[in-house]
Amino acid sequence: MTLSKLWHRLVQTARLSCGVPDYDVYVAHLRSHHPERKIPTYAEFFRERQTARYKGTGGRCC
């Protein structure tokens, strides 16, 4: 693992542990598993993640 990838993983882990969603990973997931779906803006994604987190609406698509 390169230093750059290690840094990316550390930042991703820190964000996830604070509850900050990882937009880039979500977009990559949509493109590979659900190409028919519209890619949300970061604001739309963040709003949906907050709703799923605090209102208990789930959040996993597959």
Protein backbone atom coordinates (compact mmCIF):
# COMPACT_ATOMS: atom_id res chain seq x y z
CA MET A 1 0.00 0.00 0.00
CA THR A 2 1.42 3.36 -0.99
CA LEU A 3 1.64 6.29 1.38
CA SER A 4 -1.06 8.11 -0.62
CA LYS A 5 -3.50 5.20 -0.34
CA LEU A 6 -2.72 4.83 3.36
CA TRP A 7 -3.45 8.54 3.89
CA HIS A 8 -6.73 8.22 1.94
CA ARG A 9 -7.77 5.27 4.12
CA LEU A 10 -6.91 7.13 7.30
CA VAL A 11 -8.95 10.18 6.22
CA GLN A 12 -11.86 7.95 5.18
CA THR A 13 -11.77 6.13 8.53
CA ALA A 14 -11.67 9.40 10.48
CA ARG A 15 -14.62 10.77 8.50
CA LEU A 16 -16.69 7.62 8.96
CA SER A 17 -15.95 7.49 12.68
CA CYS A 18 -17.27 11.07 12.98
CA GLY A 19 -20.35 10.25 10.93
CA VAL A 20 -19.28 12.16 7.83
CA PRO A 21 -20.37 10.14 4.79
CA ASP A 22 -17.92 9.30 2.00
CA TYR A 23 -19.42 10.76 -1.16
CA ASP A 24 -16.70 9.48 -3.52
CA VAL A 25 -17.19 5.88 -2.41
CA TYR A 26 -20.96 6.23 -2.78
CA VAL A 27 -20.65 7.62 -6.31
CA ALA A 28 -18.26 4.81 -7.28
CA HIS A 29 -20.74 2.28 -5.86
CA LEU A 30 -23.64 3.80 -7.82
CA ARG A 31 -21.67 3.79 -11.05
CA SER A 32 -20.62 0.16 -10.70
CA HIS A 33 -23.78 -1.40 -9.20
CA HIS A 34 -26.63 0.94 -10.15
CA PRO A 35 -25.72 2.73 -13.41
CA GLU A 36 -29.40 3.48 -14.07
CA ARG A 37 -29.66 5.74 -11.01
CA LYS A 38 -29.03 9.47 -11.04
CA ILE A 39 -25.85 10.56 -9.26
CA PRO A 40 -26.91 12.95 -6.49
CA THR A 41 -25.08 16.17 -5.77
CA TYR A 42 -23.02 16.21 -2.60
CA ALA A 43 -25.73 18.32 -0.91
CA GLU A 44 -28.45 15.82 -1.88
CA PHE A 45 -26.28 12.91 -0.74
CA PHE A 46 -25.44 14.55 2.58
CA ARG A 47 -29.11 15.42 3.26
CA GLU A 48 -30.23 11.86 2.48
CA ARG A 49 -27.50 10.38 4.73
CA GLN A 50 -28.47 12.68 7.60
CA THR A 51 -32.13 11.70 7.22
CA ALA A 52 -31.24 8.00 7.15
CA ARG A 53 -29.04 8.38 10.21
CA TYR A 54 -31.34 10.38 12.43
CA LYS A 55 -34.76 9.19 11.30
CA GLY A 56 -33.83 5.53 11.04
CA THR A 57 -34.88 5.13 7.42
CA GLY A 58 -32.18 2.61 6.67
CA GLY A 59 -29.66 3.65 4.12
CA ARG A 60 -28.30 0.50 2.55
CA CYS A 61 -29.28 -0.11 -1.02
CA CYS A 62 -27.74 -3.58 -1.38
